[in-house]
């Protein structure tokens, strides 16, 4: 099955726009995110939400992902295991899809601020893995979306599996994020 039929491929479909733009969408205003989540639910998406503000360590992040995404008991709690499990163990139905939603992701980016500025942080590495999984699942006609809400309207994530995370269409312009 193709990811989208030619009839479905248009800018009115929120999933099409997110996947067209790389599969990772940024949100600042919770209401903008809520609108897209409502649309996704109406279109048979399974929504899995995380509060990244609760993650004070890499271990807490892995525990949360393993639990909510039903990764196997032997999940290794490291980035290689995440990369493997998000592709091999995450069940993405052929009807609809799965949207992983990360609230307050900007707070998770702060847990490793002391790193070398030339090195990618943990939050960036996680999104890079998730963006790769979006493409992997599309190879099999399955739709995986990554929705990232940030309380920081200036946050950026570049080089996520060769793409950058873009702001959703409602907040794409800086003035819509009060900048």
N, C-alpha and C. Protein backbone atom coordinates (compact mmCIF):
# COMPACT_ATOMS: atom_id res chain seq x y z
N UNK A 1 0.84 -1.18 0.00
CA UNK A 1 0.00 0.00 0.00
C UNK A 1 0.88 1.24 0.00
N UNK A 2 0.53 2.21 -0.81
CA UNK A 2 1.25 3.48 -0.84
C UNK A 2 0.92 4.27 0.42
N UNK A 3 1.82 5.14 0.82
CA UNK A 3 1.58 5.95 2.00
C UNK A 3 0.37 6.85 1.78
N UNK A 4 0.25 7.44 0.61
CA UNK A 4 -0.89 8.28 0.26
C UNK A 4 -1.30 7.98 -1.18
N UNK A 5 -2.58 8.04 -1.43
CA UNK A 5 -3.05 7.95 -2.80
C UNK A 5 -2.97 9.36 -3.40
N UNK A 6 -3.07 9.45 -4.71
CA UNK A 6 -3.01 10.78 -5.34
C UNK A 6 -4.19 11.65 -4.91
N UNK A 7 -5.31 11.03 -4.54
CA UNK A 7 -6.46 11.80 -4.04
C UNK A 7 -6.20 12.38 -2.66
N UNK A 8 -5.39 11.70 -1.87
CA UNK A 8 -5.13 12.14 -0.49
C UNK A 8 -4.03 13.20 -0.41
N UNK A 9 -3.16 13.25 -1.39
CA UNK A 9 -2.00 14.12 -1.33
C UNK A 9 -2.40 15.58 -1.55
N UNK A 10 -2.69 16.27 -0.45
CA UNK A 10 -3.01 17.69 -0.54
C UNK A 10 -2.73 18.37 0.78
N UNK A 11 -2.67 19.69 0.74
CA UNK A 11 -2.31 20.48 1.91
C UNK A 11 -3.40 20.55 2.97
N UNK A 12 -4.56 19.95 2.73
CA UNK A 12 -5.63 19.92 3.73
C UNK A 12 -5.44 18.76 4.72
N UNK A 13 -4.65 17.79 4.34
CA UNK A 13 -4.39 16.64 5.22
C UNK A 13 -3.20 16.98 6.11
N UNK A 14 -3.42 17.04 7.39
CA UNK A 14 -2.34 17.38 8.32
C UNK A 14 -1.21 16.36 8.28
N UNK A 15 -1.56 15.07 8.16
CA UNK A 15 -0.52 14.05 8.11
C UNK A 15 0.33 14.18 6.85
N UNK A 16 -0.31 14.47 5.72
CA UNK A 16 0.44 14.64 4.48
C UNK A 16 1.44 15.78 4.60
N UNK A 17 1.01 16.91 5.15
CA UNK A 17 1.88 18.08 5.28
C UNK A 17 3.06 17.76 6.21
N UNK A 18 2.80 17.11 7.33
CA UNK A 18 3.87 16.78 8.27
C UNK A 18 4.88 15.82 7.63
N UNK A 19 4.39 14.78 6.96
CA UNK A 19 5.30 13.83 6.32
C UNK A 19 6.03 14.46 5.14
N UNK A 20 5.34 15.28 4.38
CA UNK A 20 5.99 15.97 3.26
C UNK A 20 7.18 16.81 3.73
N UNK A 21 7.02 17.39 4.93
CA UNK A 21 8.05 18.27 5.47
C UNK A 21 9.06 17.55 6.36
N UNK A 22 9.08 16.22 6.32
CA UNK A 22 10.11 15.47 7.03
C UNK A 22 9.62 14.58 8.15
N UNK A 23 8.37 14.72 8.56
CA UNK A 23 7.81 13.83 9.57
C UNK A 23 7.91 14.30 11.00
N UNK A 24 8.68 15.38 11.25
CA UNK A 24 8.81 15.94 12.60
C UNK A 24 8.31 17.38 12.53
N UNK A 25 7.25 17.66 13.29
CA UNK A 25 6.66 19.01 13.29
C UNK A 25 6.80 19.62 14.69
N UNK A 26 7.13 20.90 14.71
CA UNK A 26 7.25 21.65 15.96
C UNK A 26 5.98 22.43 16.24
N UNK A 27 5.66 22.56 17.52
CA UNK A 27 4.49 23.32 17.98
C UNK A 27 4.90 24.17 19.16
N UNK A 28 4.39 25.36 19.22
CA UNK A 28 4.61 26.22 20.37
C UNK A 28 3.32 26.33 21.19
N UNK A 29 2.26 26.74 20.53
CA UNK A 29 0.97 26.90 21.22
C UNK A 29 0.27 25.55 21.37
N UNK A 30 -0.09 25.19 22.59
CA UNK A 30 -0.80 23.92 22.80
C UNK A 30 -2.09 23.82 21.98
N UNK A 31 -2.76 24.96 21.72
CA UNK A 31 -4.01 24.89 20.94
C UNK A 31 -3.75 24.45 19.50
N UNK A 32 -2.63 24.87 18.92
CA UNK A 32 -2.29 24.45 17.56
C UNK A 32 -2.04 22.94 17.53
N UNK A 33 -1.34 22.46 18.54
CA UNK A 33 -1.09 21.02 18.64
C UNK A 33 -2.40 20.26 18.83
N UNK A 34 -3.27 20.77 19.69
CA UNK A 34 -4.55 20.12 19.96
C UNK A 34 -5.40 20.00 18.69
N UNK A 35 -5.40 21.04 17.87
CA UNK A 35 -6.16 20.99 16.61
C UNK A 35 -5.65 19.85 15.72
N UNK A 36 -4.34 19.74 15.60
CA UNK A 36 -3.78 18.68 14.76
C UNK A 36 -4.03 17.30 15.37
N UNK A 37 -3.95 17.19 16.69
CA UNK A 37 -4.24 15.91 17.34
C UNK A 37 -5.69 15.50 17.14
N UNK A 38 -6.60 16.45 17.22
CA UNK A 38 -8.02 16.15 16.97
C UNK A 38 -8.21 15.62 15.55
N UNK A 39 -7.56 16.27 14.58
CA UNK A 39 -7.66 15.82 13.19
C UNK A 39 -7.09 14.40 13.05
N UNK A 40 -5.95 14.17 13.65
CA UNK A 40 -5.32 12.85 13.56
C UNK A 40 -6.19 11.76 14.18
N UNK A 41 -6.78 12.05 15.33
CA UNK A 41 -7.67 11.07 15.96
C UNK A 41 -8.86 10.75 15.08
N UNK A 42 -9.43 11.77 14.45
CA UNK A 42 -10.56 11.55 13.55
C UNK A 42 -10.17 10.72 12.32
N UNK A 43 -8.88 10.70 12.03
CA UNK A 43 -8.38 9.96 10.87
C UNK A 43 -7.62 8.70 11.27
N UNK A 44 -8.05 8.11 12.39
CA UNK A 44 -7.61 6.79 12.83
C UNK A 44 -6.15 6.70 13.28
N UNK A 45 -5.57 7.79 13.74
CA UNK A 45 -4.21 7.74 14.27
C UNK A 45 -4.24 7.35 15.74
N UNK A 46 -3.31 6.51 16.11
CA UNK A 46 -3.08 6.23 17.52
C UNK A 46 -2.15 7.34 18.03
N UNK A 47 -2.54 7.99 19.10
CA UNK A 47 -1.76 9.10 19.66
C UNK A 47 -1.08 8.59 20.93
N UNK A 48 0.25 8.74 21.00
CA UNK A 48 1.01 8.36 22.19
C UNK A 48 1.73 9.62 22.67
N UNK A 49 1.35 10.09 23.86
CA UNK A 49 1.87 11.36 24.37
C UNK A 49 2.87 11.14 25.50
N UNK A 50 3.87 12.01 25.53
CA UNK A 50 4.92 12.00 26.54
C UNK A 50 5.09 13.41 27.08
N UNK A 51 5.36 13.53 28.36
CA UNK A 51 5.72 14.83 28.94
C UNK A 51 7.22 14.82 29.16
N UNK A 52 7.94 15.42 28.23
CA UNK A 52 9.40 15.40 28.29
C UNK A 52 9.94 16.22 29.46
N UNK A 53 9.12 17.06 30.06
CA UNK A 53 9.55 17.82 31.25
C UNK A 53 9.82 16.88 32.42
N UNK A 54 9.25 15.68 32.38
CA UNK A 54 9.46 14.70 33.45
C UNK A 54 10.78 13.94 33.31
N UNK A 55 11.45 14.12 32.19
CA UNK A 55 12.69 13.38 31.94
C UNK A 55 13.87 14.20 32.43
N UNK A 56 14.47 13.77 33.53
CA UNK A 56 15.64 14.45 34.07
C UNK A 56 16.93 13.71 33.74
N UNK A 57 16.80 12.60 33.04
CA UNK A 57 17.97 11.81 32.67
C UNK A 57 17.64 10.99 31.43
N UNK A 58 18.69 10.49 30.81
CA UNK A 58 18.50 9.61 29.66
C UNK A 58 17.77 8.33 30.09
N UNK A 59 18.08 7.84 31.28
CA UNK A 59 17.42 6.63 31.76
C UNK A 59 15.91 6.83 31.92
N UNK A 60 15.49 7.98 32.44
CA UNK A 60 14.05 8.25 32.58
C UNK A 60 13.38 8.31 31.21
N UNK A 61 14.06 8.91 30.25
CA UNK A 61 13.52 8.98 28.89
C UNK A 61 13.33 7.58 28.33
N UNK A 62 14.35 6.73 28.46
CA UNK A 62 14.25 5.36 27.95
C UNK A 62 13.16 4.57 28.66
N UNK A 63 13.05 4.74 29.97
CA UNK A 63 12.00 4.03 30.72
C UNK A 63 10.61 4.43 30.21
N UNK A 64 10.42 5.71 29.98
CA UNK A 64 9.14 6.21 29.49
C UNK A 64 8.82 5.67 28.09
N UNK A 65 9.81 5.75 27.20
CA UNK A 65 9.60 5.25 25.83
C UNK A 65 9.32 3.75 25.83
N UNK A 66 10.12 3.00 26.59
CA UNK A 66 9.94 1.54 26.64
C UNK A 66 8.55 1.18 27.14
N UNK A 67 8.11 1.85 28.19
CA UNK A 67 6.82 1.55 28.78
C UNK A 67 5.66 1.93 27.85
N UNK A 68 5.65 3.14 27.36
CA UNK A 68 4.53 3.64 26.56
C UNK A 68 4.47 3.03 25.16
N UNK A 69 5.63 2.64 24.62
CA UNK A 69 5.66 2.10 23.26
C UNK A 69 5.74 0.57 23.25
N UNK A 70 5.64 -0.02 24.43
CA UNK A 70 5.64 -1.48 24.57
C UNK A 70 6.86 -2.14 23.92
N UNK A 71 8.03 -1.53 24.16
CA UNK A 71 9.25 -2.16 23.68
C UNK A 71 9.48 -3.44 24.51
N UNK A 72 10.22 -4.40 23.97
CA UNK A 72 10.42 -5.67 24.68
C UNK A 72 11.19 -5.49 26.00
N UNK A 73 11.03 -6.46 26.87
CA UNK A 73 11.66 -6.41 28.19
C UNK A 73 13.18 -6.26 28.10
N UNK A 74 13.78 -6.75 27.02
CA UNK A 74 15.24 -6.70 26.88
C UNK A 74 15.74 -5.40 26.24
N UNK A 75 14.84 -4.42 26.08
CA UNK A 75 15.23 -3.11 25.53
C UNK A 75 16.45 -2.59 26.29
N UNK A 76 17.47 -2.19 25.57
CA UNK A 76 18.77 -1.87 26.16
C UNK A 76 18.96 -0.51 26.80
N UNK A 77 17.97 0.38 26.76
CA UNK A 77 18.07 1.71 27.38
C UNK A 77 19.28 2.49 26.89
N UNK A 78 19.52 2.46 25.59
CA UNK A 78 20.55 3.30 24.99
C UNK A 78 20.06 3.70 23.61
N UNK A 79 20.77 4.61 22.96
CA UNK A 79 20.29 5.14 21.68
C UNK A 79 20.29 4.10 20.58
N UNK A 80 21.22 3.17 20.61
CA UNK A 80 21.20 2.09 19.60
C UNK A 80 19.96 1.22 19.76
N UNK A 81 19.60 0.93 21.00
CA UNK A 81 18.40 0.14 21.26
C UNK A 81 17.15 0.90 20.82
N UNK A 82 17.12 2.20 21.07
CA UNK A 82 15.99 3.02 20.63
C UNK A 82 15.87 2.96 19.11
N UNK A 83 16.97 3.12 18.42
CA UNK A 83 16.97 3.09 16.97
C UNK A 83 16.42 1.76 16.45
N UNK A 84 16.84 0.69 17.06
CA UNK A 84 16.39 -0.64 16.64
C UNK A 84 14.91 -0.86 16.99
N UNK A 85 14.53 -0.54 18.22
CA UNK A 85 13.16 -0.82 18.67
C UNK A 85 12.12 0.05 18.00
N UNK A 86 12.45 1.30 17.72
CA UNK A 86 11.46 2.20 17.10
C UNK A 86 11.13 1.74 15.68
N UNK A 87 12.07 1.04 15.07
CA UNK A 87 11.81 0.51 13.72
C UNK A 87 11.23 -0.90 13.77
N UNK A 88 11.79 -1.75 14.61
CA UNK A 88 11.42 -3.16 14.60
C UNK A 88 10.27 -3.52 15.54
N UNK A 89 10.12 -2.80 16.64
CA UNK A 89 9.15 -3.21 17.65
C UNK A 89 7.93 -2.30 17.75
N UNK A 90 8.00 -1.11 17.22
CA UNK A 90 6.85 -0.20 17.25
C UNK A 90 5.82 -0.67 16.22
N UNK A 91 4.61 -0.89 16.68
CA UNK A 91 3.55 -1.33 15.78
C UNK A 91 2.84 -0.10 15.22
N UNK A 92 2.97 0.09 13.91
CA UNK A 92 2.31 1.18 13.21
C UNK A 92 1.27 0.55 12.28
N UNK A 93 -0.01 0.75 12.58
CA UNK A 93 -1.04 0.12 11.75
C UNK A 93 -1.06 0.67 10.33
N UNK A 94 -1.52 -0.14 9.40
CA UNK A 94 -1.60 0.31 8.01
C UNK A 94 -2.76 1.27 7.79
N UNK A 95 -3.76 1.22 8.64
CA UNK A 95 -4.88 2.17 8.57
C UNK A 95 -4.60 3.27 9.59
N UNK A 96 -4.62 4.51 9.15
CA UNK A 96 -4.27 5.61 10.04
C UNK A 96 -2.78 5.64 10.23
N UNK A 97 -2.34 5.57 11.45
CA UNK A 97 -0.92 5.60 11.75
C UNK A 97 -0.70 5.83 13.23
N UNK A 98 0.52 6.24 13.58
CA UNK A 98 0.87 6.54 14.96
C UNK A 98 1.50 7.93 14.99
N UNK A 99 1.07 8.73 15.97
CA UNK A 99 1.67 10.04 16.21
C UNK A 99 2.29 10.01 17.60
N UNK A 100 3.60 10.20 17.66
CA UNK A 100 4.28 10.33 18.95
C UNK A 100 4.35 11.82 19.27
N UNK A 101 3.84 12.20 20.43
CA UNK A 101 3.73 13.60 20.82
C UNK A 101 4.60 13.84 22.05
N UNK A 102 5.49 14.82 21.94
CA UNK A 102 6.40 15.15 23.03
C UNK A 102 6.11 16.57 23.50
N UNK A 103 5.52 16.68 24.69
CA UNK A 103 5.20 17.98 25.28
C UNK A 103 6.42 18.50 26.04
N UNK A 104 6.61 19.82 26.02
CA UNK A 104 7.69 20.50 26.78
C UNK A 104 9.07 19.94 26.43
N UNK A 105 9.29 19.68 25.16
CA UNK A 105 10.55 19.05 24.74
C UNK A 105 11.74 19.97 25.01
N UNK A 106 11.51 21.27 25.03
CA UNK A 106 12.61 22.21 25.30
C UNK A 106 13.23 21.95 26.67
N UNK A 107 12.44 21.49 27.63
CA UNK A 107 12.98 21.21 28.97
C UNK A 107 13.90 20.00 28.93
N UNK A 108 13.57 19.03 28.08
CA UNK A 108 14.44 17.86 27.93
C UNK A 108 15.77 18.26 27.30
N UNK A 109 15.77 19.26 26.44
CA UNK A 109 17.03 19.68 25.81
C UNK A 109 18.01 20.24 26.83
N UNK A 110 17.52 20.68 27.97
CA UNK A 110 18.37 21.32 28.97
C UNK A 110 19.13 20.32 29.85
N UNK A 111 18.80 19.04 29.79
CA UNK A 111 19.48 18.10 30.70
C UNK A 111 20.94 17.87 30.32
N UNK A 112 21.33 18.23 29.11
CA UNK A 112 22.73 18.04 28.73
C UNK A 112 23.33 19.33 28.14
N UNK A 113 22.99 20.47 28.73
CA UNK A 113 23.51 21.74 28.24
C UNK A 113 25.01 21.90 28.44
N UNK A 114 25.61 21.12 29.30
CA UNK A 114 27.03 21.28 29.57
C UNK A 114 27.91 20.62 28.50
N UNK A 115 27.30 19.99 27.51
CA UNK A 115 28.07 19.30 26.48
C UNK A 115 28.84 20.30 25.61
N UNK A 116 29.78 19.80 24.88
CA UNK A 116 30.54 20.59 23.91
C UNK A 116 29.56 21.14 22.89
N UNK A 117 29.66 22.41 22.56
CA UNK A 117 28.69 23.04 21.65
C UNK A 117 28.75 22.47 20.24
N UNK A 118 29.83 21.77 19.89
CA UNK A 118 29.93 21.15 18.56
C UNK A 118 29.27 19.78 18.52
N UNK A 119 28.92 19.25 19.67
CA UNK A 119 28.32 17.91 19.74
C UNK A 119 26.81 18.03 19.87
N UNK A 120 26.10 17.16 19.18
CA UNK A 120 24.64 17.14 19.29
C UNK A 120 24.25 16.68 20.69
N UNK A 121 23.22 17.30 21.22
CA UNK A 121 22.71 16.90 22.52
C UNK A 121 21.82 15.68 22.42
N UNK A 122 21.50 15.13 23.56
CA UNK A 122 20.68 13.93 23.63
C UNK A 122 19.32 14.16 22.97
N UNK A 123 18.67 15.28 23.26
CA UNK A 123 17.34 15.55 22.69
C UNK A 123 17.41 15.59 21.16
N UNK A 124 18.46 16.16 20.61
CA UNK A 124 18.65 16.21 19.16
C UNK A 124 18.88 14.81 18.61
N UNK A 125 19.68 14.02 19.30
CA UNK A 125 19.97 12.65 18.85
C UNK A 125 18.70 11.80 18.84
N UNK A 126 17.86 11.97 19.87
CA UNK A 126 16.60 11.23 19.93
C UNK A 126 15.72 11.59 18.74
N UNK A 127 15.58 12.88 18.45
CA UNK A 127 14.76 13.30 17.31
C UNK A 127 15.35 12.81 15.99
N UNK A 128 16.67 12.76 15.90
CA UNK A 128 17.32 12.23 14.70
C UNK A 128 16.92 10.77 14.48
N UNK A 129 16.93 9.98 15.54
CA UNK A 129 16.53 8.57 15.46
C UNK A 129 15.06 8.47 15.07
N UNK A 130 14.21 9.28 15.70
CA UNK A 130 12.78 9.23 15.40
C UNK A 130 12.50 9.65 13.96
N UNK A 131 13.22 10.66 13.45
CA UNK A 131 13.04 11.08 12.07
C UNK A 131 13.44 9.97 11.10
N UNK A 132 14.50 9.24 11.43
CA UNK A 132 14.88 8.09 10.61
C UNK A 132 13.81 7.01 10.63
N UNK A 133 13.17 6.82 11.78
CA UNK A 133 12.10 5.82 11.90
C UNK A 133 10.89 6.21 11.07
N UNK A 134 10.62 7.51 10.97
CA UNK A 134 9.51 7.98 10.12
C UNK A 134 9.73 7.48 8.69
N UNK A 135 10.95 7.66 8.19
CA UNK A 135 11.26 7.24 6.83
C UNK A 135 11.24 5.72 6.70
N UNK A 136 11.76 5.03 7.70
CA UNK A 136 11.77 3.58 7.68
C UNK A 136 10.35 3.04 7.55
N UNK A 137 9.45 3.52 8.39
CA UNK A 137 8.07 3.03 8.36
C UNK A 137 7.37 3.39 7.04
N UNK A 138 7.72 4.53 6.46
CA UNK A 138 7.11 4.89 5.17
C UNK A 138 7.48 3.90 4.08
N UNK A 139 8.66 3.30 4.19
CA UNK A 139 9.06 2.30 3.19
C UNK A 139 8.07 1.13 3.13
N UNK A 140 7.35 0.91 4.21
CA UNK A 140 6.39 -0.18 4.29
C UNK A 140 4.95 0.32 4.24
N UNK A 141 4.78 1.59 3.83
CA UNK A 141 3.44 2.14 3.69
C UNK A 141 2.76 2.49 5.00
N UNK A 142 3.56 2.69 6.06
CA UNK A 142 3.01 3.02 7.37
C UNK A 142 3.36 4.47 7.73
N UNK A 143 2.44 5.13 8.42
CA UNK A 143 2.60 6.55 8.75
C UNK A 143 2.94 6.73 10.23
N UNK A 144 4.15 7.21 10.48
CA UNK A 144 4.61 7.56 11.82
C UNK A 144 4.89 9.06 11.80
N UNK A 145 4.28 9.78 12.73
CA UNK A 145 4.49 11.23 12.85
C UNK A 145 5.11 11.54 14.20
N UNK A 146 5.97 12.56 14.22
CA UNK A 146 6.58 13.01 15.46
C UNK A 146 6.18 14.47 15.65
N UNK A 147 5.43 14.74 16.73
CA UNK A 147 4.96 16.09 17.02
C UNK A 147 5.64 16.56 18.30
N UNK A 148 6.35 17.68 18.19
CA UNK A 148 7.19 18.16 19.29
C UNK A 148 6.70 19.52 19.73
N UNK A 149 6.17 19.58 20.95
CA UNK A 149 5.72 20.86 21.51
C UNK A 149 6.84 21.43 22.37
N UNK A 150 7.10 22.72 22.18
CA UNK A 150 8.15 23.40 22.93
C UNK A 150 7.59 24.70 23.50
N UNK A 151 7.97 25.01 24.73
CA UNK A 151 7.60 26.30 25.32
C UNK A 151 8.55 27.40 24.86
N UNK A 152 9.57 27.04 24.11
CA UNK A 152 10.54 27.98 23.56
C UNK A 152 10.20 28.18 22.08
N UNK A 153 9.68 29.36 21.70
CA UNK A 153 9.29 29.57 20.30
C UNK A 153 10.48 29.70 19.34
N UNK A 154 11.69 29.71 19.86
CA UNK A 154 12.89 29.84 19.01
C UNK A 154 13.63 28.51 18.81
N UNK A 155 13.15 27.46 19.42
CA UNK A 155 13.88 26.18 19.37
C UNK A 155 14.02 25.70 17.93
N UNK A 156 15.15 25.05 17.65
CA UNK A 156 15.43 24.52 16.32
C UNK A 156 16.05 23.14 16.46
N UNK A 157 15.75 22.31 15.50
CA UNK A 157 16.37 21.00 15.41
C UNK A 157 16.71 20.77 13.94
N UNK A 158 17.98 20.91 13.62
CA UNK A 158 18.44 20.71 12.25
C UNK A 158 19.10 19.34 12.13
N UNK A 159 19.26 18.90 10.91
CA UNK A 159 19.92 17.64 10.60
C UNK A 159 19.32 16.46 11.35
N UNK A 160 18.02 16.28 11.12
CA UNK A 160 17.33 15.11 11.66
C UNK A 160 17.16 14.13 10.50
N UNK A 161 18.07 13.20 10.40
CA UNK A 161 18.06 12.24 9.29
C UNK A 161 18.00 12.98 7.96
N UNK A 162 18.79 14.05 7.85
CA UNK A 162 18.89 14.80 6.61
C UNK A 162 17.87 15.91 6.44
N UNK A 163 16.96 16.09 7.39
CA UNK A 163 15.93 17.13 7.32
C UNK A 163 16.00 17.98 8.59
N UNK A 164 15.31 19.10 8.56
CA UNK A 164 15.14 19.91 9.76
C UNK A 164 13.70 19.80 10.21
N UNK A 165 13.49 19.92 11.51
CA UNK A 165 12.12 19.97 12.03
C UNK A 165 11.57 21.35 11.71
N UNK A 166 10.41 21.39 11.07
CA UNK A 166 9.77 22.66 10.73
C UNK A 166 8.62 22.93 11.68
N UNK A 167 8.31 24.21 11.84
CA UNK A 167 7.13 24.58 12.61
C UNK A 167 5.90 24.19 11.82
N UNK A 168 4.84 23.83 12.51
CA UNK A 168 3.58 23.47 11.87
C UNK A 168 3.07 24.67 11.06
N UNK A 169 2.19 24.44 10.08
CA UNK A 169 1.75 25.53 9.20
C UNK A 169 1.11 26.73 9.92
N UNK A 170 0.45 26.50 11.05
CA UNK A 170 -0.15 27.60 11.79
C UNK A 170 0.88 28.50 12.46
N UNK A 171 2.05 27.95 12.76
CA UNK A 171 3.07 28.71 13.49
C UNK A 171 4.37 28.84 12.72
N UNK A 172 4.31 28.60 11.43
CA UNK A 172 5.50 28.63 10.61
C UNK A 172 6.16 30.01 10.62
N UNK A 173 5.36 31.04 10.58
CA UNK A 173 5.90 32.41 10.60
C UNK A 173 6.25 32.80 12.03
N UNK A 174 7.36 33.53 12.17
CA UNK A 174 7.80 33.96 13.50
C UNK A 174 6.71 34.76 14.21
N UNK A 175 5.99 35.61 13.51
CA UNK A 175 4.98 36.44 14.17
C UNK A 175 3.87 35.57 14.79
N UNK A 176 3.65 34.38 14.26
CA UNK A 176 2.64 33.49 14.83
C UNK A 176 3.13 32.81 16.11
N UNK A 177 4.43 32.95 16.38
CA UNK A 177 5.01 32.48 17.64
C UNK A 177 5.43 33.67 18.49
N UNK A 178 4.85 34.82 18.17
CA UNK A 178 5.09 36.08 18.91
C UNK A 178 6.54 36.49 18.93
N UNK A 179 7.25 36.24 17.83
CA UNK A 179 8.65 36.66 17.70
C UNK A 179 8.75 37.87 16.81
